[in-house]
């Protein structure tokens, strides 16, 4: 079995991601070592917190270039902030991202009818061709975020969600998969998503 690497850059609930994969029978490593990341064929980039701080942490750990290289061939899963970091720019901290995917990260517009951050369970609308979310249309998953991704290429969007506006809640492009929600906090549905990811490795 190919080894799953969970990238530790000081910005995530790594233990819950690790435990979820272990529960499914995988044996992931958690590392901030760029050489270990380089050697893995499956990479998970989780994340909770501020975009600009996350980018700087990746830079300090010399992980930016290795991640960009590995995104060309490794099976990749970005979770929450790890999804947002794939893009060109974020309004959070006015910071550039990895620029692997085209689009930007924007703050939810203020509306009296919605709370920011978007926190808790919400329903996703899944596109029929999704590999990661197959059979999960209309299921509820767990979100915690104040910013959302606006993809330039809507063809890669694998699910959307409603919170004041409709936003892109996950993407799939070749070997790259990413979710705004937290599969590791989404109960049986989340485990099914991580099981599907493991099946792609």
Foldseek 3Di string as FASTA:
>chain_A
DFEEEEECLPFAPVVLVQVLVVVVPHHYHYDLALVVLLPGQEYEYEGDDFLVVSQVSCVVSVNLVSVLVSVVGGQYEYEASRVQLCEQFEPRVGDGHSHNFYWYKYFDDDDPVFDPPPFAKFAKAFDCPDQLQHPPHGHIFTATHGIAIDHPDCVQQGIWTDTPHIGRQWGDDPSYTYGNTALSRGPPSSSSSVVSSVVVD
